[in-house]
């Protein structure tokens, strides 16, 4: 690909793409917060679409706060 993006990312490169630690990404995966693929040998990988979906799911809308308004 000419834009430098690849189709599949391992745990370390996916974490770097998301600007989080590999340990945090692993925790999110185990919690079911991010989709992933596992090879027959047990290796975990992420597609670019899965990484983007995760980014969109964690985005906070402008004006939205952590607590609901009363």
PDB file of N, CA and C in Angstrom:
ATOM      1  N   UNK A   1       0.835  -1.181   0.000  1.00  0.00           N
ATOM      2  CA  UNK A   1       0.000   0.000   0.000  1.00  0.00           C
ATOM      3  C   UNK A   1       0.881   1.245   0.000  1.00  0.00           C
ATOM      4  N   UNK A   2       0.459   2.250  -0.654  1.00  0.00           N
ATOM      5  CA  UNK A   2       1.271   3.447  -0.771  1.00  0.00           C
ATOM      6  C   UNK A   2       1.100   4.417   0.384  1.00  0.00           C
ATOM      7  N   UNK A   3       0.039   4.272   1.178  1.00  0.00           N
ATOM      8  CA  UNK A   3      -0.191   5.206   2.271  1.00  0.00           C
ATOM      9  C   UNK A   3       0.459   4.772   3.585  1.00  0.00           C
ATOM     10  N   UNK A   4       1.191   3.670   3.598  1.00  0.00           N
ATOM     11  CA  UNK A   4       1.889   3.212   4.787  1.00  0.00           C
ATOM     12  C   UNK A   4       1.032   2.420   5.755  1.00  0.00           C
ATOM     13  N   UNK A   5      -0.245   2.219   5.447  1.00  0.00           N
ATOM     14  CA  UNK A   5      -1.112   1.436   6.309  1.00  0.00           C
ATOM     15  C   UNK A   5      -1.117  -0.005   5.843  1.00  0.00           C
ATOM     16  N   UNK A   6      -1.244  -0.923   6.793  1.00  0.00           N
ATOM     17  CA  UNK A   6      -1.275  -2.330   6.417  1.00  0.00           C
ATOM     18  C   UNK A   6      -2.619  -2.931   6.788  1.00  0.00           C
ATOM     19  N   UNK A   7      -2.861  -4.138   6.307  1.00  0.00           N
ATOM     20  CA  UNK A   7      -4.161  -4.778   6.514  1.00  0.00           C
ATOM     21  C   UNK A   7      -4.322  -5.356   7.916  1.00  0.00           C
ATOM     22  N   UNK A   8      -3.255  -5.891   8.490  1.00  0.00           N
ATOM     23  CA  UNK A   8      -3.341  -6.515   9.808  1.00  0.00           C
ATOM     24  C   UNK A   8      -2.218  -6.000  10.698  1.00  0.00           C
ATOM     25  N   UNK A   9      -2.536  -5.833  11.961  1.00  0.00           N
ATOM     26  CA  UNK A   9      -1.593  -5.320  12.948  1.00  0.00           C
ATOM     27  C   UNK A   9      -1.465  -6.325  14.080  1.00  0.00           C
ATOM     28  N   UNK A  10      -0.237  -6.559  14.546  1.00  0.00           N
ATOM     29  CA  UNK A  10      -0.059  -7.395  15.734  1.00  0.00           C
ATOM     30  C   UNK A  10      -0.341  -6.539  16.968  1.00  0.00           C
ATOM     31  N   UNK A  11      -0.270  -7.135  18.135  1.00  0.00           N
ATOM     32  CA  UNK A  11      -0.622  -6.419  19.374  1.00  0.00           C
ATOM     33  C   UNK A  11       0.218  -5.157  19.562  1.00  0.00           C
ATOM     34  N   UNK A  12       1.511  -5.251  19.342  1.00  0.00           N
ATOM     35  CA  UNK A  12       2.386  -4.094  19.560  1.00  0.00           C
ATOM     36  C   UNK A  12       2.126  -2.979  18.550  1.00  0.00           C
ATOM     37  N   UNK A  13       1.990  -3.333  17.277  1.00  0.00           N
ATOM     38  CA  UNK A  13       1.781  -2.282  16.279  1.00  0.00           C
ATOM     39  C   UNK A  13       0.370  -1.691  16.362  1.00  0.00           C
ATOM     40  N   UNK A  14      -0.614  -2.491  16.753  1.00  0.00           N
ATOM     41  CA  UNK A  14      -1.971  -1.967  16.947  1.00  0.00           C
ATOM     42  C   UNK A  14      -1.989  -0.992  18.123  1.00  0.00           C
ATOM     43  N   UNK A  15      -1.302  -1.338  19.189  1.00  0.00           N
ATOM     44  CA  UNK A  15      -1.235  -0.449  20.350  1.00  0.00           C
ATOM     45  C   UNK A  15      -0.551   0.867  19.975  1.00  0.00           C
ATOM     46  N   UNK A  16       0.522   0.784  19.203  1.00  0.00           N
ATOM     47  CA  UNK A  16       1.209   1.998  18.757  1.00  0.00           C
ATOM     48  C   UNK A  16       0.292   2.851  17.891  1.00  0.00           C
ATOM     49  N   UNK A  17      -0.460   2.222  17.003  1.00  0.00           N
ATOM     50  CA  UNK A  17      -1.403   2.935  16.146  1.00  0.00           C
ATOM     51  C   UNK A  17      -2.437   3.687  16.987  1.00  0.00           C
ATOM     52  N   UNK A  18      -2.914   3.052  18.070  1.00  0.00           N
ATOM     53  CA  UNK A  18      -3.938   3.647  18.936  1.00  0.00           C
ATOM     54  C   UNK A  18      -3.355   4.578  20.001  1.00  0.00           C
ATOM     55  N   UNK A  19      -2.031   4.648  20.100  1.00  0.00           N
ATOM     56  CA  UNK A  19      -1.340   5.473  21.095  1.00  0.00           C
ATOM     57  C   UNK A  19      -1.669   5.031  22.515  1.00  0.00           C
ATOM     58  N   UNK A  20      -1.713   3.717  22.726  1.00  0.00           N
ATOM     59  CA  UNK A  20      -1.895   3.139  24.047  1.00  0.00           C
ATOM     60  C   UNK A  20      -0.853   2.040  24.223  1.00  0.00           C
ATOM     61  N   UNK A  21      -0.692   1.555  25.428  1.00  0.00           N
ATOM     62  CA  UNK A  21       0.282   0.488  25.650  1.00  0.00           C
ATOM     63  C   UNK A  21      -0.286  -0.852  25.186  1.00  0.00           C
ATOM     64  N   UNK A  22       0.600  -1.781  24.893  1.00  0.00           N
ATOM     65  CA  UNK A  22       0.179  -3.125  24.490  1.00  0.00           C
ATOM     66  C   UNK A  22      -0.582  -3.802  25.631  1.00  0.00           C
ATOM     67  N   UNK A  23      -0.208  -3.514  26.859  1.00  0.00           N
ATOM     68  CA  UNK A  23      -0.893  -4.090  28.017  1.00  0.00           C
ATOM     69  C   UNK A  23      -2.335  -3.569  28.091  1.00  0.00           C
ATOM     70  N   UNK A  24      -2.535  -2.294  27.832  1.00  0.00           N
ATOM     71  CA  UNK A  24      -3.883  -1.725  27.833  1.00  0.00           C
ATOM     72  C   UNK A  24      -4.712  -2.327  26.711  1.00  0.00           C
ATOM     73  N   UNK A  25      -4.121  -2.449  25.528  1.00  0.00           N
ATOM     74  CA  UNK A  25      -4.832  -3.045  24.399  1.00  0.00           C
ATOM     75  C   UNK A  25      -5.235  -4.482  24.719  1.00  0.00           C
ATOM     76  N   UNK A  26      -4.335  -5.230  25.318  1.00  0.00           N
ATOM     77  CA  UNK A  26      -4.633  -6.610  25.706  1.00  0.00           C
ATOM     78  C   UNK A  26      -5.802  -6.650  26.691  1.00  0.00           C
ATOM     79  N   UNK A  27      -5.814  -5.736  27.635  1.00  0.00           N
ATOM     80  CA  UNK A  27      -6.909  -5.672  28.613  1.00  0.00           C
ATOM     81  C   UNK A  27      -8.234  -5.344  27.918  1.00  0.00           C
ATOM     82  N   UNK A  28      -8.217  -4.378  27.000  1.00  0.00           N
ATOM     83  CA  UNK A  28      -9.431  -4.031  26.250  1.00  0.00           C
ATOM     84  C   UNK A  28      -9.929  -5.223  25.434  1.00  0.00           C
ATOM     85  N   UNK A  29      -8.998  -5.978  24.824  1.00  0.00           N
ATOM     86  CA  UNK A  29      -9.373  -7.156  24.043  1.00  0.00           C
ATOM     87  C   UNK A  29     -10.049  -8.193  24.931  1.00  0.00           C
ATOM     88  N   UNK A  30      -9.473  -8.435  26.096  1.00  0.00           N
ATOM     89  CA  UNK A  30     -10.029  -9.426  27.020  1.00  0.00           C
ATOM     90  C   UNK A  30     -11.382  -8.991  27.574  1.00  0.00           C
ATOM     91  N   UNK A  31     -11.625  -7.675  27.639  1.00  0.00           N
ATOM     92  CA  UNK A  31     -12.905  -7.143  28.104  1.00  0.00           C
ATOM     93  C   UNK A  31     -13.941  -7.130  26.982  1.00  0.00           C
ATOM     94  N   UNK A  32     -13.508  -7.399  25.759  1.00  0.00           N
ATOM     95  CA  UNK A  32     -14.419  -7.392  24.624  1.00  0.00           C
ATOM     96  C   UNK A  32     -14.664  -6.013  24.038  1.00  0.00           C
ATOM     97  N   UNK A  33     -13.821  -5.051  24.379  1.00  0.00           N
ATOM     98  CA  UNK A  33     -14.009  -3.685  23.888  1.00  0.00           C
ATOM     99  C   UNK A  33     -13.483  -3.471  22.476  1.00  0.00           C
ATOM    100  N   UNK A  34     -12.662  -4.395  21.971  1.00  0.00           N
ATOM    101  CA  UNK A  34     -12.114  -4.256  20.631  1.00  0.00           C
ATOM    102  C   UNK A  34     -12.132  -5.620  19.944  1.00  0.00           C
ATOM    103  N   UNK A  35     -12.539  -5.621  18.683  1.00  0.00           N
ATOM    104  CA  UNK A  35     -12.546  -6.860  17.912  1.00  0.00           C
ATOM    105  C   UNK A  35     -11.128  -7.279  17.543  1.00  0.00           C
ATOM    106  N   UNK A  36     -10.948  -8.556  17.329  1.00  0.00           N
ATOM    107  CA  UNK A  36      -9.626  -9.066  16.962  1.00  0.00           C
ATOM    108  C   UNK A  36      -9.785 -10.414  16.263  1.00  0.00           C
ATOM    109  N   UNK A  37      -8.681 -10.898  15.738  1.00  0.00           N
ATOM    110  CA  UNK A  37      -8.626 -12.225  15.128  1.00  0.00           C
ATOM    111  C   UNK A  37      -7.546 -13.014  15.842  1.00  0.00           C
ATOM    112  N   UNK A  38      -7.739 -14.308  15.915  1.00  0.00           N
ATOM    113  CA  UNK A  38      -6.721 -15.178  16.504  1.00  0.00           C
ATOM    114  C   UNK A  38      -6.400 -16.270  15.491  1.00  0.00           C
ATOM    115  N   UNK A  39      -5.112 -16.449  15.217  1.00  0.00           N
ATOM    116  CA  UNK A  39      -4.685 -17.478  14.273  1.00  0.00           C
ATOM    117  C   UNK A  39      -4.788 -18.852  14.940  1.00  0.00           C
ATOM    118  N   UNK A  40      -4.750 -19.934  14.152  1.00  0.00           N
ATOM    119  CA  UNK A  40      -4.774 -21.276  14.754  1.00  0.00           C
ATOM    120  C   UNK A  40      -3.631 -21.486  15.755  1.00  0.00           C
ATOM    121  N   UNK A  41      -2.530 -20.764  15.558  1.00  0.00           N
ATOM    122  CA  UNK A  41      -1.405 -20.866  16.479  1.00  0.00           C
ATOM    123  C   UNK A  41      -1.543 -19.991  17.711  1.00  0.00           C
ATOM    124  N   UNK A  42      -2.606 -19.183  17.778  1.00  0.00           N
ATOM    125  CA  UNK A  42      -2.860 -18.361  18.950  1.00  0.00           C
ATOM    126  C   UNK A  42      -2.434 -16.912  18.838  1.00  0.00           C
ATOM    127  N   UNK A  43      -1.865 -16.514  17.699  1.00  0.00           N
ATOM    128  CA  UNK A  43      -1.439 -15.124  17.556  1.00  0.00           C
ATOM    129  C   UNK A  43      -2.642 -14.216  17.356  1.00  0.00           C
ATOM    130  N   UNK A  44      -2.607 -13.079  18.030  1.00  0.00           N
ATOM    131  CA  UNK A  44      -3.688 -12.098  17.953  1.00  0.00           C
ATOM    132  C   UNK A  44      -3.327 -11.049  16.909  1.00  0.00           C
ATOM    133  N   UNK A  45      -4.322 -10.685  16.089  1.00  0.00           N
ATOM    134  CA  UNK A  45      -4.110  -9.599  15.133  1.00  0.00           C
ATOM    135  C   UNK A  45      -5.375  -8.767  15.045  1.00  0.00           C
ATOM    136  N   UNK A  46      -5.199  -7.561  14.549  1.00  0.00           N
ATOM    137  CA  UNK A  46      -6.286  -6.599  14.424  1.00  0.00           C
ATOM    138  C   UNK A  46      -6.278  -6.052  13.008  1.00  0.00           C
ATOM    139  N   UNK A  47      -7.461  -5.852  12.436  1.00  0.00           N
ATOM    140  CA  UNK A  47      -7.540  -5.209  11.130  1.00  0.00           C
ATOM    141  C   UNK A  47      -7.636  -3.704  11.342  1.00  0.00           C
ATOM    142  N   UNK A  48      -7.338  -2.961  10.307  1.00  0.00           N
ATOM    143  CA  UNK A  48      -7.444  -1.515  10.383  1.00  0.00           C
ATOM    144  C   UNK A  48      -8.885  -1.116  10.702  1.00  0.00           C
ATOM    145  N   UNK A  49      -9.849  -1.800  10.118  1.00  0.00           N
ATOM    146  CA  UNK A  49     -11.260  -1.506  10.403  1.00  0.00           C
ATOM    147  C   UNK A  49     -11.580  -1.687  11.887  1.00  0.00           C
ATOM    148  N   UNK A  50     -11.033  -2.726  12.513  1.00  0.00           N
ATOM    149  CA  UNK A  50     -11.274  -2.954  13.933  1.00  0.00           C
ATOM    150  C   UNK A  50     -10.663  -1.836  14.780  1.00  0.00           C
ATOM    151  N   UNK A  51      -9.496  -1.365  14.389  1.00  0.00           N
ATOM    152  CA  UNK A  51      -8.850  -0.286  15.126  1.00  0.00           C
ATOM    153  C   UNK A  51      -9.648   1.013  14.987  1.00  0.00           C
ATOM    154  N   UNK A  52     -10.127   1.289  13.791  1.00  0.00           N
ATOM    155  CA  UNK A  52     -10.921   2.501  13.568  1.00  0.00           C
ATOM    156  C   UNK A  52     -12.251   2.412  14.313  1.00  0.00           C
ATOM    157  N   UNK A  53     -12.897   1.249  14.281  1.00  0.00           N
ATOM    158  CA  UNK A  53     -14.147   1.064  15.022  1.00  0.00           C
ATOM    159  C   UNK A  53     -13.933   1.330  16.514  1.00  0.00           C
ATOM    160  N   UNK A  54     -12.809   0.853  17.040  1.00  0.00           N
ATOM    161  CA  UNK A  54     -12.508   1.083  18.447  1.00  0.00           C
ATOM    162  C   UNK A  54     -12.323   2.575  18.713  1.00  0.00           C
ATOM    163  N   UNK A  55     -11.583   3.250  17.848  1.00  0.00           N
ATOM    164  CA  UNK A  55     -11.375   4.686  18.023  1.00  0.00           C
ATOM    165  C   UNK A  55     -12.705   5.436  18.027  1.00  0.00           C
ATOM    166  N   UNK A  56     -13.589   5.091  17.116  1.00  0.00           N
ATOM    167  CA  UNK A  56     -14.883   5.762  17.037  1.00  0.00           C
ATOM    168  C   UNK A  56     -15.745   5.467  18.258  1.00  0.00           C
ATOM    169  N   UNK A  57     -15.640   4.253  18.798  1.00  0.00           N
ATOM    170  CA  UNK A  57     -16.461   3.881  19.951  1.00  0.00           C
ATOM    171  C   UNK A  57     -15.998   4.568  21.227  1.00  0.00           C
ATOM    172  N   UNK A  58     -14.770   5.039  21.261  1.00  0.00           N
ATOM    173  CA  UNK A  58     -14.258   5.684  22.474  1.00  0.00           C
ATOM    174  C   UNK A  58     -14.269   7.198  22.367  1.00  0.00           C
ATOM    175  N   UNK A  59     -14.709   7.719  21.236  1.00  0.00           N
ATOM    176  CA  UNK A  59     -14.750   9.165  21.029  1.00  0.00           C
ATOM    177  C   UNK A  59     -15.902   9.764  21.822  1.00  0.00           C
ATOM    178  N   UNK A  60     -15.642  10.909  22.449  1.00  0.00           N
ATOM    179  CA  UNK A  60     -16.666  11.614  23.214  1.00  0.00           C
ATOM    180  C   UNK A  60     -17.170  12.781  22.373  1.00  0.00           C
ATOM    181  N   UNK A  61     -18.483  12.887  22.267  1.00  0.00           N
ATOM    182  CA  UNK A  61     -19.085  13.966  21.492  1.00  0.00           C
ATOM    183  C   UNK A  61     -18.824  15.310  22.173  1.00  0.00           C
ATOM    184  N   UNK A  62     -18.702  16.395  21.388  1.00  0.00           N
ATOM    185  CA  UNK A  62     -18.496  17.718  21.986  1.00  0.00           C
ATOM    186  C   UNK A  62     -19.631  18.057  22.954  1.00  0.00           C
ATOM    187  N   UNK A  63     -19.283  18.592  24.109  1.00  0.00           N
ATOM    188  CA  UNK A  63     -20.286  18.976  25.096  1.00  0.00           C
ATOM    189  C   UNK A  63     -20.727  17.832  25.994  1.00  0.00           C
ATOM    190  N   UNK A  64     -20.338  16.612  25.671  1.00  0.00           N
ATOM    191  CA  UNK A  64     -20.731  15.453  26.487  1.00  0.00           C
ATOM    192  C   UNK A  64     -19.780  15.337  27.676  1.00  0.00           C
ATOM    193  N   UNK A  65     -20.339  15.071  28.843  1.00  0.00           N
ATOM    194  CA  UNK A  65     -19.508  14.901  30.043  1.00  0.00           C
ATOM    195  C   UNK A  65     -19.634  13.479  30.540  1.00  0.00           C
ATOM    196  N   UNK A  66     -18.807  13.123  31.496  1.00  0.00           N
ATOM    197  CA  UNK A  66     -18.840  11.775  32.043  1.00  0.00           C
ATOM    198  C   UNK A  66     -20.087  11.475  32.844  1.00  0.00           C
ATOM    199  N   UNK A  67     -20.680  12.508  33.458  1.00  0.00           N
ATOM    200  CA  UNK A  67     -21.885  12.316  34.279  1.00  0.00           C
ATOM    201  C   UNK A  67     -23.109  12.830  33.531  1.00  0.00           C
ATOM    202  N   UNK A  68     -24.209  12.157  33.715  1.00  0.00           N
ATOM    203  CA  UNK A  68     -25.456  12.579  33.072  1.00  0.00           C
ATOM    204  C   UNK A  68     -25.980  13.837  33.756  1.00  0.00           C
ATOM    205  N   UNK A  69     -26.574  14.716  32.971  1.00  0.00           N
ATOM    206  CA  UNK A  69     -27.142  15.938  33.526  1.00  0.00           C
ATOM    207  C   UNK A  69     -28.397  15.606  34.334  1.00  0.00           C
ATOM    208  N   UNK A  70     -28.590  16.312  35.426  1.00  0.00           N
ATOM    209  CA  UNK A  70     -29.753  16.037  36.297  1.00  0.00           C
ATOM    210  C   UNK A  70     -31.019  16.668  35.791  1.00  0.00           C
TER     211      UNK A  70
END
